[in-house]
PDB file of all heavy atoms in Angstrom:
ATOM      1  N   ASP A   1       0.817  -1.216   0.005  1.00  0.00           N
ATOM      2  CA  ASP A   1      -0.045   0.010  -0.011  1.00  0.00           C
ATOM      3  C   ASP A   1       0.862   1.288   0.030  1.00  0.00           C
ATOM      4  O   ASP A   1       0.558   2.241  -0.666  1.00  0.00           O
ATOM      5  CB  ASP A   1      -0.927   0.017   1.224  1.00  0.00           C
ATOM      6  CG  ASP A   1      -1.867  -1.157   1.245  1.00  0.00           C
ATOM      7  OD1 ASP A   1      -2.110  -1.725   0.149  1.00  0.00           O
ATOM      8  OD2 ASP A   1      -2.354  -1.547   2.321  1.00  0.00           O
ATOM      9  N   ARG A   2       1.932   1.232   0.782  1.00  0.00           N
ATOM     10  CA  ARG A   2       2.820   2.448   0.899  1.00  0.00           C
ATOM     11  C   ARG A   2       3.703   2.606  -0.278  1.00  0.00           C
ATOM     12  O   ARG A   2       4.395   3.586  -0.431  1.00  0.00           O
ATOM     13  CB  ARG A   2       3.636   2.320   2.092  1.00  0.00           C
ATOM     14  CG  ARG A   2       2.863   2.218   3.404  1.00  0.00           C
ATOM     15  CD  ARG A   2       3.744   2.174   4.648  1.00  0.00           C
ATOM     16  NE  ARG A   2       4.763   1.107   4.601  1.00  0.00           N
ATOM     17  CZ  ARG A   2       4.567  -0.141   4.975  1.00  0.00           C
ATOM     18  NH1 ARG A   2       3.359  -0.550   5.321  1.00  0.00           N
ATOM     19  NH2 ARG A   2       5.486  -1.053   4.921  1.00  0.00           N
ATOM     20  N   GLY A   3       3.669   1.639  -1.239  1.00  0.00           N
ATOM     21  CA  GLY A   3       4.462   1.753  -2.495  1.00  0.00           C
ATOM     22  C   GLY A   3       5.922   1.384  -2.317  1.00  0.00           C
ATOM     23  O   GLY A   3       6.694   1.617  -3.228  1.00  0.00           O
ATOM     24  N   ASP A   4       6.367   0.976  -1.107  1.00  0.00           N
ATOM     25  CA  ASP A   4       7.795   0.645  -0.945  1.00  0.00           C
ATOM     26  C   ASP A   4       8.040  -0.849  -1.115  1.00  0.00           C
ATOM     27  O   ASP A   4       8.121  -1.574  -0.168  1.00  0.00           O
ATOM     28  CB  ASP A   4       8.263   1.134   0.403  1.00  0.00           C
ATOM     29  CG  ASP A   4       7.471   0.632   1.600  1.00  0.00           C
ATOM     30  OD1 ASP A   4       6.375   0.097   1.335  1.00  0.00           O
ATOM     31  OD2 ASP A   4       8.008   0.746   2.699  1.00  0.00           O
ATOM     32  N   GLY A   5       8.063  -1.315  -2.308  1.00  0.00           N
ATOM     33  CA  GLY A   5       8.313  -2.711  -2.516  1.00  0.00           C
ATOM     34  C   GLY A   5       7.097  -3.584  -2.617  1.00  0.00           C
ATOM     35  O   GLY A   5       5.986  -3.067  -2.862  1.00  0.00           O
ATOM     36  N   TYR A   6       7.245  -4.818  -2.392  1.00  0.00           N
ATOM     37  CA  TYR A   6       6.099  -5.764  -2.514  1.00  0.00           C
ATOM     38  C   TYR A   6       6.181  -6.868  -1.505  1.00  0.00           C
ATOM     39  O   TYR A   6       7.143  -7.058  -0.824  1.00  0.00           O
ATOM     40  CB  TYR A   6       6.060  -6.319  -3.931  1.00  0.00           C
ATOM     41  CG  TYR A   6       7.241  -7.171  -4.342  1.00  0.00           C
ATOM     42  CD1 TYR A   6       7.249  -8.549  -4.193  1.00  0.00           C
ATOM     43  CD2 TYR A   6       8.373  -6.567  -4.976  1.00  0.00           C
ATOM     44  CE1 TYR A   6       8.294  -9.322  -4.552  1.00  0.00           C
ATOM     45  CE2 TYR A   6       9.456  -7.366  -5.285  1.00  0.00           C
ATOM     46  CZ  TYR A   6       9.408  -8.689  -5.108  1.00  0.00           C
ATOM     47  OH  TYR A   6      10.533  -9.493  -5.472  1.00  0.00           O
ATOM     48  N   TYR A   7       5.035  -7.576  -1.414  1.00  0.00           N
ATOM     49  CA  TYR A   7       4.993  -8.756  -0.546  1.00  0.00           C
ATOM     50  C   TYR A   7       4.497  -9.972  -1.402  1.00  0.00           C
ATOM     51  O   TYR A   7       4.169  -9.712  -2.616  1.00  0.00           O
ATOM     52  CB  TYR A   7       4.023  -8.565   0.619  1.00  0.00           C
ATOM     53  CG  TYR A   7       2.585  -8.142   0.243  1.00  0.00           C
ATOM     54  CD1 TYR A   7       1.603  -9.169   0.188  1.00  0.00           C
ATOM     55  CD2 TYR A   7       2.227  -6.869  -0.076  1.00  0.00           C
ATOM     56  CE1 TYR A   7       0.294  -8.893  -0.129  1.00  0.00           C
ATOM     57  CE2 TYR A   7       0.932  -6.540  -0.419  1.00  0.00           C
ATOM     58  CZ  TYR A   7      -0.027  -7.530  -0.431  1.00  0.00           C
ATOM     59  OH  TYR A   7      -1.332  -7.218  -0.771  1.00  0.00           O
ATOM     60  N   MET A   8       4.444 -11.116  -0.921  1.00  0.00           N
ATOM     61  CA  MET A   8       3.948 -12.242  -1.687  1.00  0.00           C
ATOM     62  C   MET A   8       2.493 -12.563  -1.286  1.00  0.00           C
ATOM     63  O   MET A   8       2.234 -12.521  -0.075  1.00  0.00           O
ATOM     64  CB  MET A   8       4.812 -13.497  -1.471  1.00  0.00           C
ATOM     65  CG  MET A   8       6.199 -13.329  -2.008  1.00  0.00           C
ATOM     66  SD  MET A   8       6.310 -12.938  -3.784  1.00  0.00           S
ATOM     67  CE  MET A   8       6.231 -14.578  -4.512  1.00  0.00           C
ATOM     68  N   ALA A   9       1.657 -12.878  -2.256  1.00  0.00           N
ATOM     69  CA  ALA A   9       0.237 -13.057  -1.976  1.00  0.00           C
ATOM     70  C   ALA A   9      -0.374 -14.094  -2.870  1.00  0.00           C
ATOM     71  O   ALA A   9       0.091 -14.450  -3.936  1.00  0.00           O
ATOM     72  CB  ALA A   9      -0.482 -11.708  -2.212  1.00  0.00           C
ATOM     73  N   VAL A  10      -1.470 -14.666  -2.324  1.00  0.00           N
ATOM     74  CA  VAL A  10      -2.367 -15.537  -3.050  1.00  0.00           C
ATOM     75  C   VAL A  10      -3.702 -14.983  -2.993  1.00  0.00           C
ATOM     76  O   VAL A  10      -4.320 -14.944  -1.952  1.00  0.00           O
ATOM     77  CB  VAL A  10      -2.336 -16.929  -2.434  1.00  0.00           C
ATOM     78  CG1 VAL A  10      -3.350 -17.832  -3.206  1.00  0.00           C
ATOM     79  CG2 VAL A  10      -0.974 -17.569  -2.468  1.00  0.00           C
ATOM     80  N   PRO A  11      -4.218 -14.457  -4.149  1.00  0.00           N
ATOM     81  CA  PRO A  11      -5.599 -13.914  -4.186  1.00  0.00           C
ATOM     82  C   PRO A  11      -6.604 -15.023  -3.932  1.00  0.00           C
ATOM     83  O   PRO A  11      -6.390 -16.221  -4.344  1.00  0.00           O
ATOM     84  CB  PRO A  11      -5.796 -13.363  -5.571  1.00  0.00           C
ATOM     85  CG  PRO A  11      -4.386 -13.277  -6.123  1.00  0.00           C
ATOM     86  CD  PRO A  11      -3.562 -14.331  -5.476  1.00  0.00           C
ATOM     87  N   ALA A  12      -7.697 -14.676  -3.323  1.00  0.00           N
ATOM     88  CA  ALA A  12      -8.740 -15.713  -2.960  1.00  0.00           C
ATOM     89  C   ALA A  12      -9.398 -16.377  -4.164  1.00  0.00           C
ATOM     90  O   ALA A  12      -9.856 -17.494  -4.004  1.00  0.00           O
ATOM     91  CB  ALA A  12      -9.903 -15.019  -2.109  1.00  0.00           C
ATOM     92  N   PHE A  13      -9.344 -15.802  -5.268  1.00  0.00           N
ATOM     93  CA  PHE A  13     -10.045 -16.405  -6.467  1.00  0.00           C
ATOM     94  C   PHE A  13      -9.141 -17.419  -7.228  1.00  0.00           C
ATOM     95  O   PHE A  13      -9.553 -17.965  -8.216  1.00  0.00           O
ATOM     96  CB  PHE A  13     -10.570 -15.321  -7.408  1.00  0.00           C
ATOM     97  CG  PHE A  13      -9.501 -14.357  -7.883  1.00  0.00           C
ATOM     98  CD1 PHE A  13      -8.617 -14.704  -8.860  1.00  0.00           C
ATOM     99  CD2 PHE A  13      -9.437 -13.104  -7.235  1.00  0.00           C
ATOM    100  CE1 PHE A  13      -7.671 -13.775  -9.257  1.00  0.00           C
ATOM    101  CE2 PHE A  13      -8.420 -12.235  -7.648  1.00  0.00           C
ATOM    102  CZ  PHE A  13      -7.553 -12.598  -8.614  1.00  0.00           C
ATOM    103  N   VAL A  14      -7.897 -17.575  -6.805  1.00  0.00           N
ATOM    104  CA  VAL A  14      -7.044 -18.462  -7.526  1.00  0.00           C
ATOM    105  C   VAL A  14      -7.257 -19.936  -7.173  1.00  0.00           C
ATOM    106  O   VAL A  14      -7.426 -20.297  -6.012  1.00  0.00           O
ATOM    107  CB  VAL A  14      -5.527 -18.147  -7.167  1.00  0.00           C
ATOM    108  CG1 VAL A  14      -4.607 -19.235  -7.651  1.00  0.00           C
ATOM    109  CG2 VAL A  14      -5.154 -16.821  -7.717  1.00  0.00           C
ATOM    110  N   GLY A  15      -7.381 -20.794  -8.159  1.00  0.00           N
ATOM    111  CA  GLY A  15      -7.529 -22.208  -7.928  1.00  0.00           C
ATOM    112  C   GLY A  15      -8.952 -22.610  -7.407  1.00  0.00           C
ATOM    113  O   GLY A  15      -9.876 -21.816  -7.573  1.00  0.00           O
ATOM    114  N   HIS A  16      -9.039 -23.791  -6.876  1.00  0.00           N
ATOM    115  CA  HIS A  16     -10.280 -24.305  -6.377  1.00  0.00           C
ATOM    116  C   HIS A  16     -10.171 -24.548  -4.884  1.00  0.00           C
ATOM    117  O   HIS A  16      -9.046 -24.677  -4.347  1.00  0.00           O
ATOM    118  CB  HIS A  16     -10.688 -25.623  -7.044  1.00  0.00           C
ATOM    119  CG  HIS A  16     -10.736 -25.482  -8.583  1.00  0.00           C
ATOM    120  ND1 HIS A  16     -11.791 -24.860  -9.204  1.00  0.00           N
ATOM    121  CD2 HIS A  16      -9.841 -25.888  -9.540  1.00  0.00           C
ATOM    122  CE1 HIS A  16     -11.573 -24.879 -10.504  1.00  0.00           C
ATOM    123  NE2 HIS A  16     -10.383 -25.471 -10.736  1.00  0.00           N
ATOM    124  N   LYS A  17     -11.321 -24.741  -4.181  1.00  0.00           N
ATOM    125  CA  LYS A  17     -11.279 -25.037  -2.831  1.00  0.00           C
ATOM    126  C   LYS A  17     -10.321 -26.171  -2.408  1.00  0.00           C
ATOM    127  O   LYS A  17     -10.303 -27.150  -3.144  1.00  0.00           O
ATOM    128  CB  LYS A  17     -12.754 -25.361  -2.274  1.00  0.00           C
ATOM    129  CG  LYS A  17     -12.839 -25.502  -0.820  1.00  0.00           C
ATOM    130  CD  LYS A  17     -14.334 -25.747  -0.452  1.00  0.00           C
ATOM    131  CE  LYS A  17     -14.599 -26.008   0.983  1.00  0.00           C
ATOM    132  NZ  LYS A  17     -13.586 -26.524   1.847  1.00  0.00           N
ATOM    133  N   ASN A  18      -9.568 -25.968  -1.366  1.00  0.00           N
ATOM    134  CA  ASN A  18      -8.551 -26.912  -0.868  1.00  0.00           C
ATOM    135  C   ASN A  18      -7.339 -27.044  -1.738  1.00  0.00           C
ATOM    136  O   ASN A  18      -6.432 -27.832  -1.503  1.00  0.00           O
ATOM    137  CB  ASN A  18      -9.144 -28.328  -0.664  1.00  0.00           C
ATOM    138  CG  ASN A  18     -10.245 -28.275   0.328  1.00  0.00           C
ATOM    139  OD1 ASN A  18     -10.420 -27.325   1.095  1.00  0.00           O
ATOM    140  ND2 ASN A  18     -11.081 -29.321   0.344  1.00  0.00           N
ATOM    141  N   ASP A  19      -7.212 -26.295  -2.860  1.00  0.00           N
ATOM    142  CA  ASP A  19      -5.954 -26.275  -3.609  1.00  0.00           C
ATOM    143  C   ASP A  19      -4.867 -25.658  -2.727  1.00  0.00           C
ATOM    144  O   ASP A  19      -5.114 -24.864  -1.844  1.00  0.00           O
ATOM    145  CB  ASP A  19      -6.058 -25.430  -4.866  1.00  0.00           C
ATOM    146  CG  ASP A  19      -6.696 -26.162  -6.036  1.00  0.00           C
ATOM    147  OD1 ASP A  19      -7.020 -27.360  -5.858  1.00  0.00           O
ATOM    148  OD2 ASP A  19      -6.803 -25.573  -7.132  1.00  0.00           O
ATOM    149  N   MET A  20      -3.613 -26.036  -2.959  1.00  0.00           N
ATOM    150  CA  MET A  20      -2.491 -25.571  -2.188  1.00  0.00           C
ATOM    151  C   MET A  20      -1.414 -24.819  -3.014  1.00  0.00           C
ATOM    152  O   MET A  20      -1.213 -25.192  -4.158  1.00  0.00           O
ATOM    153  CB  MET A  20      -1.700 -26.750  -1.609  1.00  0.00           C
ATOM    154  CG  MET A  20      -2.579 -27.689  -0.781  1.00  0.00           C
ATOM    155  SD  MET A  20      -2.886 -26.989   0.875  1.00  0.00           S
ATOM    156  CE  MET A  20      -3.660 -28.410   1.579  1.00  0.00           C
ATOM    157  N   GLY A  21      -0.869 -23.766  -2.409  1.00  0.00           N
ATOM    158  CA  GLY A  21       0.283 -23.127  -3.069  1.00  0.00           C
ATOM    159  C   GLY A  21       1.385 -23.020  -2.028  1.00  0.00           C
ATOM    160  O   GLY A  21       1.144 -22.638  -0.887  1.00  0.00           O
ATOM    161  N   ARG A  22       2.618 -23.454  -2.398  1.00  0.00           N
ATOM    162  CA  ARG A  22       3.730 -23.480  -1.430  1.00  0.00           C
ATOM    163  C   ARG A  22       4.841 -22.636  -1.892  1.00  0.00           C
ATOM    164  O   ARG A  22       5.274 -22.723  -3.052  1.00  0.00           O
ATOM    165  CB  ARG A  22       4.195 -24.894  -1.183  1.00  0.00           C
ATOM    166  CG  ARG A  22       3.177 -25.790  -0.489  1.00  0.00           C
ATOM    167  CD  ARG A  22       3.711 -27.195  -0.192  1.00  0.00           C
ATOM    168  NE  ARG A  22       2.547 -28.048  -0.070  1.00  0.00           N
ATOM    169  CZ  ARG A  22       1.940 -28.778  -1.004  1.00  0.00           C
ATOM    170  NH1 ARG A  22       2.475 -28.680  -2.243  1.00  0.00           N
ATOM    171  NH2 ARG A  22       0.946 -29.489  -0.838  1.00  0.00           N
ATOM    172  N   LEU A  23       5.377 -21.839  -0.947  1.00  0.00           N
ATOM    173  CA  LEU A  23       6.525 -20.989  -1.234  1.00  0.00           C
ATOM    174  C   LEU A  23       7.636 -21.404  -0.122  1.00  0.00           C
ATOM    175  O   LEU A  23       7.389 -21.346   1.054  1.00  0.00           O
ATOM    176  CB  LEU A  23       6.136 -19.506  -0.990  1.00  0.00           C
ATOM    177  CG  LEU A  23       7.137 -18.420  -1.376  1.00  0.00           C
ATOM    178  CD1 LEU A  23       7.448 -18.548  -2.876  1.00  0.00           C
ATOM    179  CD2 LEU A  23       6.598 -17.090  -1.033  1.00  0.00           C
ATOM    180  N   LYS A  24       8.727 -21.845  -0.702  1.00  0.00           N
ATOM    181  CA  LYS A  24       9.763 -22.386   0.161  1.00  0.00           C
ATOM    182  C   LYS A  24      10.963 -21.452   0.318  1.00  0.00           C
ATOM    183  O   LYS A  24      11.418 -20.938  -0.666  1.00  0.00           O
ATOM    184  CB  LYS A  24      10.225 -23.698  -0.393  1.00  0.00           C
ATOM    185  CG  LYS A  24      11.167 -24.535   0.465  1.00  0.00           C
ATOM    186  CD  LYS A  24      11.537 -25.870  -0.168  1.00  0.00           C
ATOM    187  CE  LYS A  24      10.410 -26.938   0.022  1.00  0.00           C
ATOM    188  NZ  LYS A  24      10.846 -28.248  -0.418  1.00  0.00           N
ATOM    189  N   LEU A  25      11.397 -21.281   1.593  1.00  0.00           N
ATOM    190  CA  LEU A  25      12.559 -20.552   1.906  1.00  0.00           C
ATOM    191  C   LEU A  25      13.738 -21.519   2.210  1.00  0.00           C
ATOM    192  O   LEU A  25      13.565 -22.230   3.091  1.00  0.00           O
ATOM    193  CB  LEU A  25      12.288 -19.670   3.113  1.00  0.00           C
ATOM    194  CG  LEU A  25      13.494 -18.880   3.703  1.00  0.00           C
ATOM    195  CD1 LEU A  25      14.127 -17.998   2.724  1.00  0.00           C
ATOM    196  CD2 LEU A  25      13.050 -18.122   4.935  1.00  0.00           C
ATOM    197  N   LEU A  26      14.722 -21.486   1.388  1.00  0.00           N
ATOM    198  CA  LEU A  26      15.827 -22.412   1.487  1.00  0.00           C
ATOM    199  C   LEU A  26      16.815 -21.810   2.469  1.00  0.00           C
ATOM    200  O   LEU A  26      17.253 -20.637   2.370  1.00  0.00           O
ATOM    201  CB  LEU A  26      16.541 -22.647   0.188  1.00  0.00           C
ATOM    202  CG  LEU A  26      15.687 -23.257  -0.869  1.00  0.00           C
ATOM    203  CD1 LEU A  26      16.407 -23.585  -2.158  1.00  0.00           C
ATOM    204  CD2 LEU A  26      14.970 -24.530  -0.419  1.00  0.00           C
ATOM    205  N   LEU A  27      17.160 -22.526   3.539  1.00  0.00           N
ATOM    206  CA  LEU A  27      18.065 -21.978   4.555  1.00  0.00           C
ATOM    207  C   LEU A  27      19.415 -22.703   4.442  1.00  0.00           C
ATOM    208  O   LEU A  27      19.449 -23.915   4.430  1.00  0.00           O
ATOM    209  CB  LEU A  27      17.464 -22.273   5.976  1.00  0.00           C
ATOM    210  CG  LEU A  27      16.105 -21.655   6.262  1.00  0.00           C
ATOM    211  CD1 LEU A  27      15.556 -22.135   7.553  1.00  0.00           C
ATOM    212  CD2 LEU A  27      16.210 -20.188   6.213  1.00  0.00           C
ATOM    213  N   THR A  28      20.422 -21.937   4.457  1.00  0.00           N
ATOM    214  CA  THR A  28      21.754 -22.495   4.467  1.00  0.00           C
ATOM    215  C   THR A  28      22.531 -21.956   5.615  1.00  0.00           C
ATOM    216  O   THR A  28      22.205 -20.866   6.205  1.00  0.00           O
ATOM    217  CB  THR A  28      22.533 -22.175   3.168  1.00  0.00           C
ATOM    218  OG1 THR A  28      22.414 -20.790   2.851  1.00  0.00           O
ATOM    219  CG2 THR A  28      21.899 -22.949   1.960  1.00  0.00           C
TER     220      THR A  28
END
């Protein structure tokens, strides 16, 4: 909202009920 960069999101209308989306952070 403030215009300083972005975040990661999944809009409610994407996919079907119970569908999954996974975003993985690799740690080293």
